[in-house]
Amino acid sequence: MPSLPFYTADVFTSARFGGNPLAVVIGGDTLDSMTMQAVAAEFNLSETTFVLPPAEPGHTARVRIFNRTAEMAFAGHPMIGTAFILAGLHPDLAEATFEIPAGLVHIRIERNADGEPVGAAVTTPQTLTLGEALEPEVIARVLRLAAGDVVTTTHPPMIASNGNPYVIAELTDDALVRCSPDVDAFRDALAAHPQEGGRFSVHVYCRHARTLRARMFAPLAGTWEDPATGSANAPLACLLLALDPGREAAVFTIHQGIEMGRPSLLRVEARRSADGIAATLHGSCVQVMQGELTL
């Protein structure tokens, strides 16, 4: 039987068993999408990546990203974690360019004084795009909150994306702790506000200056709650910068996964350019497991 090496890493943490776990499968270019999806479901993590030969020789790899139920165009912690694993296999790797469905992702490897990889920084493949605004009652229903728990003084709940769309809403500190997803309400919200790929993923946060606490819920995609979501915190940081027109850049420290017992730490820099607002995600990683996948 053919076999492929795999590795797992905890991403957005420097402590094993914190952050967001990721499975990285090296190879698999002969596998079809259905098999890749079955492997991702077997790992049962937020995401699993497959590292394939690049289409362009100058790039590092083509990377396919799967959550428990579907392939994704972009996701933050899989980019950082995959680069971290490859950096451990290739000691000279300092920068990486990944080909993904959302475009090209450029990554800088972060190493310690001994040259060992400790994390990575990834720039989003797309600039910020904003979609429709939603009523606070929609967020309240899907998370079993009251409409008054949703803060609208800075912005209404709205869809934002840097390659992967999320509904982003600000909550009170108390409400962030009380969130409890209602799957039927999520289905109703998706029917009323259809998104590409049949997703209705909700990223909520509370803010104290440049320090944020966040939670992300995507039960319709098989992720009841995510410990750390780079592709949601990137548009969150970009949105906050967009609402501050006098500033060219802003750096946010974001804590996620606290309520799950998997504390995660993200540093996100949003920056304006002639093309729009993009974000760079910084995160530490820890390797946890390795083995062989037999197919």
C-alpha atoms as a PDB file:
ATOM      1  CA  MET A   1       0.000   0.000   0.000  1.00  0.00           C
ATOM      2  CA  PRO A   2       1.317   3.492  -0.791  1.00  0.00           C
ATOM      3  CA  SER A   3       2.062   5.697   2.201  1.00  0.00           C
ATOM      4  CA  LEU A   4       2.667   9.407   2.720  1.00  0.00           C
ATOM      5  CA  PRO A   5       4.487  11.095   5.618  1.00  0.00           C
ATOM      6  CA  PHE A   6       2.454  13.440   7.789  1.00  0.00           C
ATOM      7  CA  TYR A   7       3.188  15.836  10.628  1.00  0.00           C
ATOM      8  CA  THR A   8       1.037  17.729  13.085  1.00  0.00           C
ATOM      9  CA  ALA A   9       1.788  21.080  14.647  1.00  0.00           C
ATOM     10  CA  ASP A  10       0.072  23.382  17.109  1.00  0.00           C
ATOM     11  CA  VAL A  11      -0.126  26.833  15.535  1.00  0.00           C
ATOM     12  CA  PHE A  12      -0.351  30.277  17.157  1.00  0.00           C
ATOM     13  CA  THR A  13       1.214  28.970  20.352  1.00  0.00           C
ATOM     14  CA  SER A  14       4.640  28.240  21.811  1.00  0.00           C
ATOM     15  CA  ALA A  15       3.233  25.562  24.162  1.00  0.00           C
ATOM     16  CA  ARG A  16       2.385  22.050  23.027  1.00  0.00           C
ATOM     17  CA  PHE A  17      -1.354  21.280  23.171  1.00  0.00           C
ATOM     18  CA  GLY A  18      -2.271  24.951  22.895  1.00  0.00           C
ATOM     19  CA  GLY A  19      -3.186  26.905  19.773  1.00  0.00           C
ATOM     20  CA  ASN A  20      -4.814  25.350  16.733  1.00  0.00           C
ATOM     21  CA  PRO A  21      -3.657  21.868  15.652  1.00  0.00           C
ATOM     22  CA  LEU A  22      -2.901  21.230  11.989  1.00  0.00           C
ATOM     23  CA  ALA A  23      -2.102  18.084  10.004  1.00  0.00           C
ATOM     24  CA  VAL A  24       0.350  18.428   7.108  1.00  0.00           C
ATOM     25  CA  VAL A  25       0.557  15.599   4.555  1.00  0.00           C
ATOM     26  CA  ILE A  26       3.649  15.650   2.347  1.00  0.00           C
ATOM     27  CA  GLY A  27       2.732  14.583  -1.173  1.00  0.00           C
ATOM     28  CA  GLY A  28      -0.494  13.170  -2.504  1.00  0.00           C
ATOM     29  CA  ASP A  29      -0.547  14.606  -6.024  1.00  0.00           C
ATOM     30  CA  THR A  30      -2.038  11.312  -7.251  1.00  0.00           C
ATOM     31  CA  LEU A  31      -4.913  11.509  -4.755  1.00  0.00           C
ATOM     32  CA  ASP A  32      -8.291  12.764  -5.886  1.00  0.00           C
ATOM     33  CA  SER A  33     -10.201  15.446  -3.996  1.00  0.00           C
ATOM     34  CA  MET A  34     -12.600  12.948  -2.447  1.00  0.00           C
ATOM     35  CA  THR A  35      -9.725  10.997  -0.896  1.00  0.00           C
ATOM     36  CA  MET A  36      -8.083  14.171   0.411  1.00  0.00           C
ATOM     37  CA  GLN A  37     -11.371  15.183   1.971  1.00  0.00           C
ATOM     38  CA  ALA A  38     -11.713  11.760   3.587  1.00  0.00           C
ATOM     39  CA  VAL A  39      -8.213  12.069   5.035  1.00  0.00           C
ATOM     40  CA  ALA A  40      -9.043  15.503   6.472  1.00  0.00           C
ATOM     41  CA  ALA A  41     -12.211  14.100   8.029  1.00  0.00           C
ATOM     42  CA  GLU A  42     -10.156  11.266   9.513  1.00  0.00           C
ATOM     43  CA  PHE A  43      -7.725  13.682  11.158  1.00  0.00           C
ATOM     44  CA  ASN A  44     -10.810  15.618  12.367  1.00  0.00           C
ATOM     45  CA  LEU A  45      -8.856  18.847  12.884  1.00  0.00           C
ATOM     46  CA  SER A  46      -9.874  22.347  11.847  1.00  0.00           C
ATOM     47  CA  GLU A  47      -7.728  21.926   8.714  1.00  0.00           C
ATOM     48  CA  THR A  48      -5.430  19.469   6.969  1.00  0.00           C
ATOM     49  CA  THR A  49      -3.036  20.454   4.177  1.00  0.00           C
ATOM     50  CA  PHE A  50      -1.488  18.505   1.316  1.00  0.00           C
ATOM     51  CA  VAL A  51       1.897  19.734   0.082  1.00  0.00           C
ATOM     52  CA  LEU A  52       2.167  19.151  -3.665  1.00  0.00           C
ATOM     53  CA  PRO A  53       4.675  20.088  -6.391  1.00  0.00           C
ATOM     54  CA  PRO A  54       4.202  23.707  -7.525  1.00  0.00           C
ATOM     55  CA  ALA A  55       2.868  24.615 -10.952  1.00  0.00           C
ATOM     56  CA  GLU A  56       5.613  27.249 -11.272  1.00  0.00           C
ATOM     57  CA  PRO A  57       9.176  26.064 -10.597  1.00  0.00           C
ATOM     58  CA  GLY A  58      10.082  29.226  -8.682  1.00  0.00           C
ATOM     59  CA  HIS A  59       7.418  28.598  -6.055  1.00  0.00           C
ATOM     60  CA  THR A  60       7.829  26.408  -2.987  1.00  0.00           C
ATOM     61  CA  ALA A  61       4.714  24.243  -3.223  1.00  0.00           C
ATOM     62  CA  ARG A  62       1.100  23.996  -4.240  1.00  0.00           C
ATOM     63  CA  VAL A  63      -0.935  23.550  -1.088  1.00  0.00           C
ATOM     64  CA  ARG A  64      -4.481  22.249  -0.854  1.00  0.00           C
ATOM     65  CA  ILE A  65      -6.400  23.015   2.344  1.00  0.00           C
ATOM     66  CA  PHE A  66      -9.333  20.971   3.635  1.00  0.00           C
ATOM     67  CA  ASN A  67     -11.485  21.471   6.694  1.00  0.00           C
ATOM     68  CA  ARG A  68     -13.647  18.635   7.969  1.00  0.00           C
ATOM     69  CA  THR A  69     -16.194  18.979   5.152  1.00  0.00           C
ATOM     70  CA  ALA A  70     -14.803  21.044   2.260  1.00  0.00           C
ATOM     71  CA  GLU A  71     -11.746  22.416   0.490  1.00  0.00           C
ATOM     72  CA  MET A  72     -10.815  26.004   1.359  1.00  0.00           C
ATOM     73  CA  ALA A  73      -9.399  28.758  -0.843  1.00  0.00           C
ATOM     74  CA  PHE A  74      -7.322  30.242   1.985  1.00  0.00           C
ATOM     75  CA  ALA A  75      -6.788  29.743   5.695  1.00  0.00           C
ATOM     76  CA  GLY A  76      -4.233  31.354   7.970  1.00  0.00           C
ATOM     77  CA  HIS A  77      -3.072  28.714  10.427  1.00  0.00           C
ATOM     78  CA  PRO A  78      -2.565  26.090   7.678  1.00  0.00           C
ATOM     79  CA  MET A  79      -0.236  28.462   5.822  1.00  0.00           C
ATOM     80  CA  ILE A  80       1.856  29.218   8.904  1.00  0.00           C
ATOM     81  CA  GLY A  81       1.868  25.613  10.132  1.00  0.00           C
ATOM     82  CA  THR A  82       2.718  24.148   6.730  1.00  0.00           C
ATOM     83  CA  ALA A  83       5.596  26.578   6.282  1.00  0.00           C
ATOM     84  CA  PHE A  84       6.829  25.718   9.784  1.00  0.00           C
ATOM     85  CA  ILE A  85       6.838  21.978   9.009  1.00  0.00           C
ATOM     86  CA  LEU A  86       8.629  22.496   5.688  1.00  0.00           C
ATOM     87  CA  ALA A  87      11.202  24.712   7.403  1.00  0.00           C
ATOM     88  CA  GLY A  88      11.985  21.839   9.764  1.00  0.00           C
ATOM     89  CA  LEU A  89      12.543  19.543   6.793  1.00  0.00           C
ATOM     90  CA  HIS A  90      14.594  22.105   4.837  1.00  0.00           C
ATOM     91  CA  PRO A  91      17.058  23.973   7.104  1.00  0.00           C
ATOM     92  CA  ASP A  92      17.892  26.543   4.402  1.00  0.00           C
ATOM     93  CA  LEU A  93      14.268  27.576   3.830  1.00  0.00           C
ATOM     94  CA  ALA A  94      13.899  31.257   4.768  1.00  0.00           C
ATOM     95  CA  GLU A  95      10.939  32.287   2.618  1.00  0.00           C
ATOM     96  CA  ALA A  96       8.187  30.315   0.934  1.00  0.00           C
ATOM     97  CA  THR A  97       5.629  30.962  -1.777  1.00  0.00           C
ATOM     98  CA  PHE A  98       2.557  28.750  -1.743  1.00  0.00           C
ATOM     99  CA  GLU A  99       0.111  28.360  -4.609  1.00  0.00           C
ATOM    100  CA  ILE A 100      -3.431  28.106  -3.224  1.00  0.00           C
ATOM    101  CA  PRO A 101      -6.868  28.612  -4.821  1.00  0.00           C
ATOM    102  CA  ALA A 102      -7.074  32.202  -3.510  1.00  0.00           C
ATOM    103  CA  GLY A 103      -3.764  33.176  -5.120  1.00  0.00           C
ATOM    104  CA  LEU A 104      -0.127  33.267  -4.073  1.00  0.00           C
ATOM    105  CA  VAL A 105       0.813  33.367  -0.401  1.00  0.00           C
ATOM    106  CA  HIS A 106       4.209  34.722   0.615  1.00  0.00           C
ATOM    107  CA  ILE A 107       5.613  33.488   3.918  1.00  0.00           C
ATOM    108  CA  ARG A 108       8.678  34.378   5.966  1.00  0.00           C
ATOM    109  CA  ILE A 109      10.092  31.666   8.227  1.00  0.00           C
ATOM    110  CA  GLU A 110      10.998  32.666  11.778  1.00  0.00           C
ATOM    111  CA  ARG A 111      13.897  30.754  13.399  1.00  0.00           C
ATOM    112  CA  ASN A 112      15.586  30.907  16.794  1.00  0.00           C
ATOM    113  CA  ALA A 113      19.309  31.510  17.446  1.00  0.00           C
ATOM    114  CA  ASP A 114      20.036  27.834  16.796  1.00  0.00           C
ATOM    115  CA  GLY A 115      18.380  27.997  13.387  1.00  0.00           C
ATOM    116  CA  GLU A 116      15.386  25.937  14.422  1.00  0.00           C
ATOM    117  CA  PRO A 117      12.011  27.076  13.040  1.00  0.00           C
ATOM    118  CA  VAL A 118       9.715  28.582  15.661  1.00  0.00           C
ATOM    119  CA  GLY A 119       6.958  30.098  13.523  1.00  0.00           C
ATOM    120  CA  ALA A 120       6.199  32.118  10.423  1.00  0.00           C
ATOM    121  CA  ALA A 121       4.633  35.290   9.081  1.00  0.00           C
ATOM    122  CA  VAL A 122       2.166  35.108   6.178  1.00  0.00           C
ATOM    123  CA  THR A 123       0.718  37.896   4.056  1.00  0.00           C
ATOM    124  CA  THR A 124      -2.866  37.455   2.884  1.00  0.00           C
ATOM    125  CA  PRO A 125      -3.293  36.541  -0.796  1.00  0.00           C
ATOM    126  CA  GLN A 126      -5.994  39.183  -1.302  1.00  0.00           C
ATOM    127  CA  THR A 127      -6.760  42.665  -0.046  1.00  0.00           C
ATOM    128  CA  LEU A 128      -9.807  43.357   2.082  1.00  0.00           C
ATOM    129  CA  THR A 129     -13.238  43.077   0.508  1.00  0.00           C
ATOM    130  CA  LEU A 130     -16.436  43.919   2.366  1.00  0.00           C
ATOM    131  CA  GLY A 131     -19.840  42.375   1.789  1.00  0.00           C
ATOM    132  CA  GLU A 132     -23.303  42.962   3.130  1.00  0.00           C
ATOM    133  CA  ALA A 133     -24.094  44.255   6.595  1.00  0.00           C
ATOM    134  CA  LEU A 134     -26.330  42.126   8.801  1.00  0.00           C
ATOM    135  CA  GLU A 135     -28.742  43.024  11.559  1.00  0.00           C
ATOM    136  CA  PRO A 136     -27.533  42.451  15.135  1.00  0.00           C
ATOM    137  CA  GLU A 137     -30.475  40.105  15.638  1.00  0.00           C
ATOM    138  CA  VAL A 138     -28.892  37.634  13.168  1.00  0.00           C
ATOM    139  CA  ILE A 139     -25.760  37.348  15.296  1.00  0.00           C
ATOM    140  CA  ALA A 140     -27.838  37.168  18.469  1.00  0.00           C
ATOM    141  CA  ARG A 141     -29.905  34.255  17.125  1.00  0.00           C
ATOM    142  CA  VAL A 142     -27.005  32.122  15.885  1.00  0.00           C
ATOM    143  CA  LEU A 143     -25.048  32.545  19.151  1.00  0.00           C
ATOM    144  CA  ARG A 144     -28.031  32.527  21.581  1.00  0.00           C
ATOM    145  CA  LEU A 145     -27.447  36.118  22.675  1.00  0.00           C
ATOM    146  CA  ALA A 146     -29.559  39.238  22.993  1.00  0.00           C
ATOM    147  CA  ALA A 147     -29.423  41.854  20.253  1.00  0.00           C
ATOM    148  CA  GLY A 148     -28.070  44.312  22.821  1.00  0.00           C
ATOM    149  CA  ASP A 149     -25.005  42.113  23.275  1.00  0.00           C
ATOM    150  CA  VAL A 150     -23.892  43.043  19.744  1.00  0.00           C
ATOM    151  CA  VAL A 151     -21.903  46.281  19.635  1.00  0.00           C
ATOM    152  CA  THR A 152     -22.617  48.422  16.571  1.00  0.00           C
ATOM    153  CA  THR A 153     -20.967  51.739  17.459  1.00  0.00           C
ATOM    154  CA  THR A 154     -17.875  50.996  15.345  1.00  0.00           C
ATOM    155  CA  HIS A 155     -19.460  48.895  12.613  1.00  0.00           C
ATOM    156  CA  PRO A 156     -22.509  46.673  12.089  1.00  0.00           C
ATOM    157  CA  PRO A 157     -22.040  42.931  11.738  1.00  0.00           C
ATOM    158  CA  MET A 158     -20.713  42.470   8.227  1.00  0.00           C
ATOM    159  CA  ILE A 159     -19.056  40.076   5.833  1.00  0.00           C
ATOM    160  CA  ALA A 160     -15.333  40.666   5.320  1.00  0.00           C
ATOM    161  CA  SER A 161     -12.645  38.676   3.531  1.00  0.00           C
ATOM    162  CA  ASN A 162      -8.978  38.540   2.634  1.00  0.00           C
ATOM    163  CA  GLY A 163      -9.536  35.341   0.657  1.00  0.00           C
ATOM    164  CA  ASN A 164     -12.053  33.561   2.877  1.00  0.00           C
ATOM    165  CA  PRO A 165     -15.316  35.302   3.922  1.00  0.00           C
ATOM    166  CA  TYR A 166     -16.507  35.619   7.522  1.00  0.00           C
ATOM    167  CA  VAL A 167     -19.315  37.424   9.256  1.00  0.00           C
ATOM    168  CA  ILE A 168     -17.536  39.720  11.717  1.00  0.00           C
ATOM    169  CA  ALA A 169     -19.302  41.229  14.722  1.00  0.00           C
ATOM    170  CA  GLU A 170     -18.222  43.041  17.868  1.00  0.00           C
ATOM    171  CA  LEU A 171     -19.682  41.885  21.195  1.00  0.00           C
ATOM    172  CA  THR A 172     -19.569  43.062  24.770  1.00  0.00           C
ATOM    173  CA  ASP A 173     -16.947  41.357  26.951  1.00  0.00           C
ATOM    174  CA  ASP A 174     -19.611  39.430  28.835  1.00  0.00           C
ATOM    175  CA  ALA A 175     -21.396  38.281  25.700  1.00  0.00           C
ATOM    176  CA  LEU A 176     -18.203  36.900  24.156  1.00  0.00           C
ATOM    177  CA  VAL A 177     -17.980  34.404  27.020  1.00  0.00           C
ATOM    178  CA  ARG A 178     -21.668  33.429  26.740  1.00  0.00           C
ATOM    179  CA  CYS A 179     -21.709  32.496  23.039  1.00  0.00           C
ATOM    180  CA  SER A 180     -23.416  29.158  22.360  1.00  0.00           C
ATOM    181  CA  PRO A 181     -23.995  28.232  18.693  1.00  0.00           C
ATOM    182  CA  ASP A 182     -27.481  27.275  17.545  1.00  0.00           C
ATOM    183  CA  VAL A 183     -27.077  25.060  14.467  1.00  0.00           C
ATOM    184  CA  ASP A 184     -30.652  25.526  13.245  1.00  0.00           C
ATOM    185  CA  ALA A 185     -30.224  29.299  13.471  1.00  0.00           C
ATOM    186  CA  PHE A 186     -26.975  29.002  11.509  1.00  0.00           C
ATOM    187  CA  ARG A 187     -28.844  27.119   8.768  1.00  0.00           C
ATOM    188  CA  ASP A 188     -31.565  29.761   8.706  1.00  0.00           C
ATOM    189  CA  ALA A 189     -28.943  32.523   8.526  1.00  0.00           C
ATOM    190  CA  LEU A 190     -27.183  30.826   5.618  1.00  0.00           C
ATOM    191  CA  ALA A 191     -30.475  30.479   3.754  1.00  0.00           C
ATOM    192  CA  ALA A 192     -31.182  34.173   4.245  1.00  0.00           C
ATOM    193  CA  HIS A 193     -27.613  35.284   3.530  1.00  0.00           C
ATOM    194  CA  PRO A 194     -26.100  32.721   1.144  1.00  0.00           C
ATOM    195  CA  GLN A 195     -22.332  32.711   0.831  1.00  0.00           C
ATOM    196  CA  GLU A 196     -20.037  31.033  -1.647  1.00  0.00           C
ATOM    197  CA  GLY A 197     -19.350  27.445  -0.686  1.00  0.00           C
ATOM    198  CA  GLY A 198     -22.412  27.191   1.565  1.00  0.00           C
ATOM    199  CA  ARG A 199     -20.566  28.659   4.542  1.00  0.00           C
ATOM    200  CA  PHE A 200     -21.856  30.907   7.303  1.00  0.00           C
ATOM    201  CA  SER A 201     -18.892  31.325   9.632  1.00  0.00           C
ATOM    202  CA  VAL A 202     -19.169  33.895  12.412  1.00  0.00           C
ATOM    203  CA  HIS A 203     -16.127  35.609  13.938  1.00  0.00           C
ATOM    204  CA  VAL A 204     -16.900  37.681  17.032  1.00  0.00           C
ATOM    205  CA  TYR A 205     -14.603  39.800  19.140  1.00  0.00           C
ATOM    206  CA  CYS A 206     -14.347  42.342  21.929  1.00  0.00           C
ATOM    207  CA  ARG A 207     -11.794  45.116  21.865  1.00  0.00           C
ATOM    208  CA  HIS A 208      -9.582  46.995  24.299  1.00  0.00           C
ATOM    209  CA  ALA A 209      -7.525  49.396  22.193  1.00  0.00           C
ATOM    210  CA  ARG A 210      -5.161  47.224  20.068  1.00  0.00           C
ATOM    211  CA  THR A 211      -5.753  44.062  22.102  1.00  0.00           C
ATOM    212  CA  LEU A 212      -8.658  41.871  21.004  1.00  0.00           C
ATOM    213  CA  ARG A 213     -10.281  38.670  22.220  1.00  0.00           C
ATOM    214  CA  ALA A 214     -12.023  36.608  19.574  1.00  0.00           C
ATOM    215  CA  ARG A 215     -14.040  33.452  18.960  1.00  0.00           C
ATOM    216  CA  MET A 216     -14.971  31.830  15.642  1.00  0.00           C
ATOM    217  CA  PHE A 217     -17.883  29.462  15.066  1.00  0.00           C
ATOM    218  CA  ALA A 218     -18.455  27.454  11.870  1.00  0.00           C
ATOM    219  CA  PRO A 219     -20.719  24.525  12.827  1.00  0.00           C
ATOM    220  CA  LEU A 220     -22.036  24.133   9.273  1.00  0.00           C
ATOM    221  CA  ALA A 221     -18.457  23.405   8.140  1.00  0.00           C
ATOM    222  CA  GLY A 222     -17.888  20.911  10.949  1.00  0.00           C
ATOM    223  CA  THR A 223     -15.991  23.304  13.232  1.00  0.00           C
ATOM    224  CA  TRP A 224     -18.111  24.006  16.290  1.00  0.00           C
ATOM    225  CA  GLU A 225     -15.484  26.463  17.470  1.00  0.00           C
ATOM    226  CA  ASP A 226     -11.987  27.193  16.172  1.00  0.00           C
ATOM    227  CA  PRO A 227      -9.048  27.750  18.558  1.00  0.00           C
ATOM    228  CA  ALA A 228      -7.321  30.245  16.240  1.00  0.00           C
ATOM    229  CA  THR A 229      -8.455  31.594  12.878  1.00  0.00           C
ATOM    230  CA  GLY A 230      -5.904  33.512  10.864  1.00  0.00           C
ATOM    231  CA  SER A 231      -8.163  33.963   7.849  1.00  0.00           C
ATOM    232  CA  ALA A 232     -10.814  35.599  10.085  1.00  0.00           C
ATOM    233  CA  ASN A 233      -8.525  37.732  12.220  1.00  0.00           C
ATOM    234  CA  ALA A 234      -6.837  39.116   9.099  1.00  0.00           C
ATOM    235  CA  PRO A 235     -10.020  40.758   7.718  1.00  0.00           C
ATOM    236  CA  LEU A 236     -10.934  41.813  11.260  1.00  0.00           C
ATOM    237  CA  ALA A 237      -7.666  43.767  11.532  1.00  0.00           C
ATOM    238  CA  CYS A 238      -8.093  45.124   8.002  1.00  0.00           C
ATOM    239  CA  LEU A 239     -11.668  46.197   8.747  1.00  0.00           C
ATOM    240  CA  LEU A 240     -10.597  48.076  11.868  1.00  0.00           C
ATOM    241  CA  LEU A 241      -7.884  49.849   9.885  1.00  0.00           C
ATOM    242  CA  ALA A 242     -10.372  50.687   7.122  1.00  0.00           C
ATOM    243  CA  LEU A 243     -12.538  52.407   9.738  1.00  0.00           C
ATOM    244  CA  ASP A 244      -9.555  54.541  10.814  1.00  0.00           C
ATOM    245  CA  PRO A 245      -8.836  56.499   7.599  1.00  0.00           C
ATOM    246  CA  GLY A 246      -6.078  58.627   9.096  1.00  0.00           C
ATOM    247  CA  ARG A 247      -3.821  55.646   9.774  1.00  0.00           C
ATOM    248  CA  GLU A 248      -1.640  53.796   7.266  1.00  0.00           C
ATOM    249  CA  ALA A 249      -1.044  50.677   9.379  1.00  0.00           C
ATOM    250  CA  ALA A 250      -2.090  49.106  12.655  1.00  0.00           C
ATOM    251  CA  VAL A 251      -0.884  46.119  14.665  1.00  0.00           C
ATOM    252  CA  PHE A 252      -3.289  44.093  16.793  1.00  0.00           C
ATOM    253  CA  THR A 253      -2.660  41.437  19.425  1.00  0.00           C
ATOM    254  CA  ILE A 254      -5.470  38.885  19.294  1.00  0.00           C
ATOM    255  CA  HIS A 255      -6.241  36.181  21.859  1.00  0.00           C
ATOM    256  CA  GLN A 256      -8.457  33.280  20.795  1.00  0.00           C
ATOM    257  CA  GLY A 257      -9.227  29.775  22.034  1.00  0.00           C
ATOM    258  CA  ILE A 258      -9.370  30.842  25.691  1.00  0.00           C
ATOM    259  CA  GLU A 259     -12.834  29.382  26.306  1.00  0.00           C
ATOM    260  CA  MET A 260     -11.786  26.105  24.623  1.00  0.00           C
ATOM    261  CA  GLY A 261      -8.732  25.572  26.812  1.00  0.00           C
ATOM    262  CA  ARG A 262      -6.441  26.019  23.792  1.00  0.00           C
ATOM    263  CA  PRO A 263      -5.124  29.565  24.222  1.00  0.00           C
ATOM    264  CA  SER A 264      -3.827  31.079  21.002  1.00  0.00           C
ATOM    265  CA  LEU A 265      -1.922  34.281  20.324  1.00  0.00           C
ATOM    266  CA  LEU A 266      -1.901  36.071  16.983  1.00  0.00           C
ATOM    267  CA  ARG A 267      -0.144  39.275  16.003  1.00  0.00           C
ATOM    268  CA  VAL A 268      -1.791  40.817  12.961  1.00  0.00           C
ATOM    269  CA  GLU A 269      -0.508  43.824  11.049  1.00  0.00           C
ATOM    270  CA  ALA A 270      -2.929  45.519   8.649  1.00  0.00           C
ATOM    271  CA  ARG A 271      -1.433  47.932   6.127  1.00  0.00           C
ATOM    272  CA  ARG A 272      -2.769  50.157   3.357  1.00  0.00           C
ATOM    273  CA  SER A 273      -1.280  50.042  -0.138  1.00  0.00           C
ATOM    274  CA  ALA A 274      -2.253  51.237  -3.578  1.00  0.00           C
ATOM    275  CA  ASP A 275      -4.071  47.925  -4.090  1.00  0.00           C
ATOM    276  CA  GLY A 276      -6.080  48.036  -0.860  1.00  0.00           C
ATOM    277  CA  ILE A 277      -5.656  46.795   2.703  1.00  0.00           C
ATOM    278  CA  ALA A 278      -3.818  43.526   3.331  1.00  0.00           C
ATOM    279  CA  ALA A 279      -2.681  41.826   6.512  1.00  0.00           C
ATOM    280  CA  THR A 280       0.361  39.947   7.735  1.00  0.00           C
ATOM    281  CA  LEU A 281      -0.219  37.217  10.324  1.00  0.00           C
ATOM    282  CA  HIS A 282       2.542  36.301  12.769  1.00  0.00           C
ATOM    283  CA  GLY A 283       2.395  33.076  14.763  1.00  0.00           C
ATOM    284  CA  SER A 284       4.557  30.636  16.693  1.00  0.00           C
ATOM    285  CA  CYS A 285       4.326  26.854  16.218  1.00  0.00           C
ATOM    286  CA  VAL A 286       5.225  23.619  17.997  1.00  0.00           C
ATOM    287  CA  GLN A 287       5.576  20.259  16.254  1.00  0.00           C
ATOM    288  CA  VAL A 288       3.590  17.523  18.005  1.00  0.00           C
ATOM    289  CA  MET A 289       3.397  14.296  15.984  1.00  0.00           C
ATOM    290  CA  GLN A 290       4.645  12.607  12.854  1.00  0.00           C
ATOM    291  CA  GLY A 291       3.831   9.371  11.120  1.00  0.00           C
ATOM    292  CA  GLU A 292       2.778   7.698   7.891  1.00  0.00           C
ATOM    293  CA  LEU A 293      -0.598   7.793   6.215  1.00  0.00           C
ATOM    294  CA  THR A 294      -1.363   4.495   4.475  1.00  0.00           C
ATOM    295  CA  LEU A 295      -3.813   4.551   1.562  1.00  0.00           C
END
